[in-house]
Amino acid sequence: MASPWRMQSGGLILGNLLQALVVFAPFMNDIFHTAPFSLSKWIIRWRERAAHGGSTRA
């Protein structure tokens, strides 16, 4: 039987991989109505967050 730490780590890795699949796989985008951010949108979001001291609220 696998140790609890291995099972937890495997669950976290699997969860992250599934999340990435939903966001980045085109056929999953259609099913879940999602779209990945472009690099320019990530930069804009990072600058907005930095301007507010790391807060997500304006």
N, C-alpha and C. Protein backbone atom coordinates (compact mmCIF):
# COMPACT_ATOMS: atom_id res chain seq x y z
N MET A 1 0.84 -1.19 0.00
CA MET A 1 0.00 0.00 0.00
C MET A 1 0.89 1.25 0.00
N ALA A 2 0.50 2.23 -0.79
CA ALA A 2 1.29 3.45 -0.90
C ALA A 2 1.15 4.29 0.36
N SER A 3 2.20 5.05 0.66
CA SER A 3 2.16 5.90 1.85
C SER A 3 1.20 7.07 1.59
N PRO A 4 0.65 7.65 2.66
CA PRO A 4 -0.28 8.78 2.50
C PRO A 4 0.35 9.96 1.77
N TRP A 5 1.66 10.19 2.00
CA TRP A 5 2.32 11.31 1.33
C TRP A 5 2.38 11.10 -0.18
N ARG A 6 2.63 9.88 -0.60
CA ARG A 6 2.68 9.58 -2.04
C ARG A 6 1.30 9.74 -2.67
N MET A 7 0.29 9.29 -1.96
CA MET A 7 -1.07 9.40 -2.49
C MET A 7 -1.50 10.87 -2.58
N GLN A 8 -1.14 11.66 -1.57
CA GLN A 8 -1.48 13.08 -1.59
C GLN A 8 -0.74 13.79 -2.72
N SER A 9 0.53 13.50 -2.86
CA SER A 9 1.31 14.12 -3.94
C SER A 9 0.76 13.74 -5.30
N GLY A 10 0.43 12.48 -5.47
CA GLY A 10 -0.14 12.03 -6.74
C GLY A 10 -1.47 12.71 -7.03
N GLY A 11 -2.29 12.90 -6.00
CA GLY A 11 -3.57 13.58 -6.17
C GLY A 11 -3.39 15.03 -6.57
N LEU A 12 -2.42 15.70 -5.95
CA LEU A 12 -2.15 17.10 -6.29
C LEU A 12 -1.64 17.23 -7.72
N ILE A 13 -0.74 16.36 -8.10
CA ILE A 13 -0.20 16.38 -9.46
C ILE A 13 -1.31 16.11 -10.48
N LEU A 14 -2.12 15.10 -10.21
CA LEU A 14 -3.22 14.77 -11.11
C LEU A 14 -4.21 15.94 -11.22
N GLY A 15 -4.53 16.56 -10.10
CA GLY A 15 -5.44 17.70 -10.11
C GLY A 15 -4.90 18.86 -10.93
N ASN A 16 -3.62 19.15 -10.78
CA ASN A 16 -3.00 20.23 -11.56
C ASN A 16 -2.96 19.91 -13.05
N LEU A 17 -2.68 18.66 -13.38
CA LEU A 17 -2.66 18.27 -14.79
C LEU A 17 -4.06 18.37 -15.41
N LEU A 18 -5.08 17.96 -14.67
CA LEU A 18 -6.44 18.07 -15.18
C LEU A 18 -6.85 19.52 -15.36
N GLN A 19 -6.46 20.38 -14.42
CA GLN A 19 -6.76 21.81 -14.55
C GLN A 19 -6.10 22.39 -15.80
N ALA A 20 -4.83 22.05 -16.02
CA ALA A 20 -4.13 22.53 -17.21
C ALA A 20 -4.80 22.00 -18.48
N LEU A 21 -5.26 20.77 -18.45
CA LEU A 21 -5.95 20.19 -19.61
C LEU A 21 -7.22 20.97 -19.93
N VAL A 22 -8.00 21.30 -18.91
CA VAL A 22 -9.24 22.05 -19.13
C VAL A 22 -8.95 23.43 -19.72
N VAL A 23 -7.87 24.06 -19.27
CA VAL A 23 -7.57 25.42 -19.74
C VAL A 23 -6.88 25.44 -21.10
N PHE A 24 -5.98 24.51 -21.35
CA PHE A 24 -5.14 24.60 -22.54
C PHE A 24 -5.51 23.68 -23.70
N ALA A 25 -6.25 22.62 -23.48
CA ALA A 25 -6.61 21.71 -24.57
C ALA A 25 -7.82 22.28 -25.33
N PRO A 26 -7.69 22.50 -26.63
CA PRO A 26 -8.77 23.12 -27.39
C PRO A 26 -10.12 22.39 -27.28
N PHE A 27 -10.14 21.07 -27.31
CA PHE A 27 -11.42 20.36 -27.22
C PHE A 27 -12.06 20.54 -25.84
N MET A 28 -11.23 20.69 -24.80
CA MET A 28 -11.77 20.94 -23.46
C MET A 28 -12.25 22.39 -23.32
N ASN A 29 -11.61 23.33 -24.05
CA ASN A 29 -12.06 24.72 -24.04
C ASN A 29 -13.50 24.81 -24.52
N ASP A 30 -13.83 24.05 -25.53
CA ASP A 30 -15.19 24.06 -26.06
C ASP A 30 -16.19 23.48 -25.05
N ILE A 31 -15.81 22.43 -24.36
CA ILE A 31 -16.70 21.78 -23.41
C ILE A 31 -16.94 22.67 -22.18
N PHE A 32 -15.85 23.26 -21.63
CA PHE A 32 -15.94 24.01 -20.39
C PHE A 32 -16.01 25.53 -20.60
N HIS A 33 -15.99 25.98 -21.85
CA HIS A 33 -16.06 27.41 -22.18
C HIS A 33 -14.94 28.17 -21.49
N THR A 34 -13.72 27.69 -21.65
CA THR A 34 -12.54 28.32 -21.07
C THR A 34 -11.60 28.75 -22.18
N ALA A 35 -10.64 29.60 -21.83
CA ALA A 35 -9.61 30.03 -22.78
C ALA A 35 -8.37 30.41 -21.98
N PRO A 36 -7.20 30.04 -22.44
CA PRO A 36 -5.98 30.41 -21.73
C PRO A 36 -5.68 31.90 -21.91
N PHE A 37 -5.06 32.51 -20.90
CA PHE A 37 -4.61 33.90 -21.01
C PHE A 37 -3.40 33.94 -21.94
N SER A 38 -3.32 35.00 -22.72
CA SER A 38 -2.11 35.22 -23.52
C SER A 38 -1.04 35.81 -22.60
N LEU A 39 0.19 35.83 -23.08
CA LEU A 39 1.29 36.37 -22.28
C LEU A 39 1.04 37.84 -21.97
N SER A 40 0.51 38.61 -22.91
CA SER A 40 0.26 40.03 -22.65
C SER A 40 -0.78 40.22 -21.55
N LYS A 41 -1.79 39.37 -21.49
CA LYS A 41 -2.80 39.47 -20.42
C LYS A 41 -2.19 39.12 -19.06
N TRP A 42 -1.28 38.14 -19.03
CA TRP A 42 -0.61 37.81 -17.78
C TRP A 42 0.21 39.00 -17.29
N ILE A 43 0.91 39.68 -18.20
CA ILE A 43 1.74 40.84 -17.84
C ILE A 43 0.85 41.97 -17.32
N ILE A 44 -0.26 42.23 -18.00
CA ILE A 44 -1.19 43.27 -17.55
C ILE A 44 -1.71 42.95 -16.16
N ARG A 45 -2.11 41.71 -15.95
CA ARG A 45 -2.63 41.31 -14.65
C ARG A 45 -1.57 41.43 -13.57
N TRP A 46 -0.34 41.06 -13.86
CA TRP A 46 0.74 41.17 -12.90
C TRP A 46 1.01 42.62 -12.53
N ARG A 47 0.98 43.51 -13.52
CA ARG A 47 1.20 44.94 -13.26
C ARG A 47 0.06 45.53 -12.42
N GLU A 48 -1.17 45.16 -12.73
CA GLU A 48 -2.30 45.64 -11.93
C GLU A 48 -2.17 45.19 -10.49
N ARG A 49 -1.79 43.96 -10.30
CA ARG A 49 -1.65 43.41 -8.95
C ARG A 49 -0.51 44.10 -8.20
N ALA A 50 0.59 44.34 -8.90
CA ALA A 50 1.74 45.00 -8.27
C ALA A 50 1.39 46.44 -7.90
N ALA A 51 0.57 47.11 -8.70
CA ALA A 51 0.18 48.49 -8.43
C ALA A 51 -0.69 48.59 -7.18
N HIS A 52 -1.37 47.52 -6.83
CA HIS A 52 -2.25 47.50 -5.66
C HIS A 52 -1.61 46.78 -4.48
N GLY A 53 -0.33 46.65 -4.50
CA GLY A 53 0.38 46.04 -3.38
C GLY A 53 0.14 44.56 -3.24
N GLY A 54 -0.16 43.88 -4.34
CA GLY A 54 -0.38 42.44 -4.31
C GLY A 54 -1.81 42.05 -4.02
N SER A 55 -2.66 43.03 -3.77
CA SER A 55 -4.06 42.74 -3.48
C SER A 55 -4.81 42.46 -4.77
N THR A 56 -5.78 41.58 -4.70
CA THR A 56 -6.60 41.29 -5.88
C THR A 56 -7.77 42.24 -5.96
N ARG A 57 -7.99 43.04 -4.94
CA ARG A 57 -9.11 44.01 -4.95
C ARG A 57 -8.59 45.39 -5.29
N ALA A 58 -9.37 46.12 -6.07
CA ALA A 58 -8.96 47.48 -6.47
C ALA A 58 -9.24 48.48 -5.36
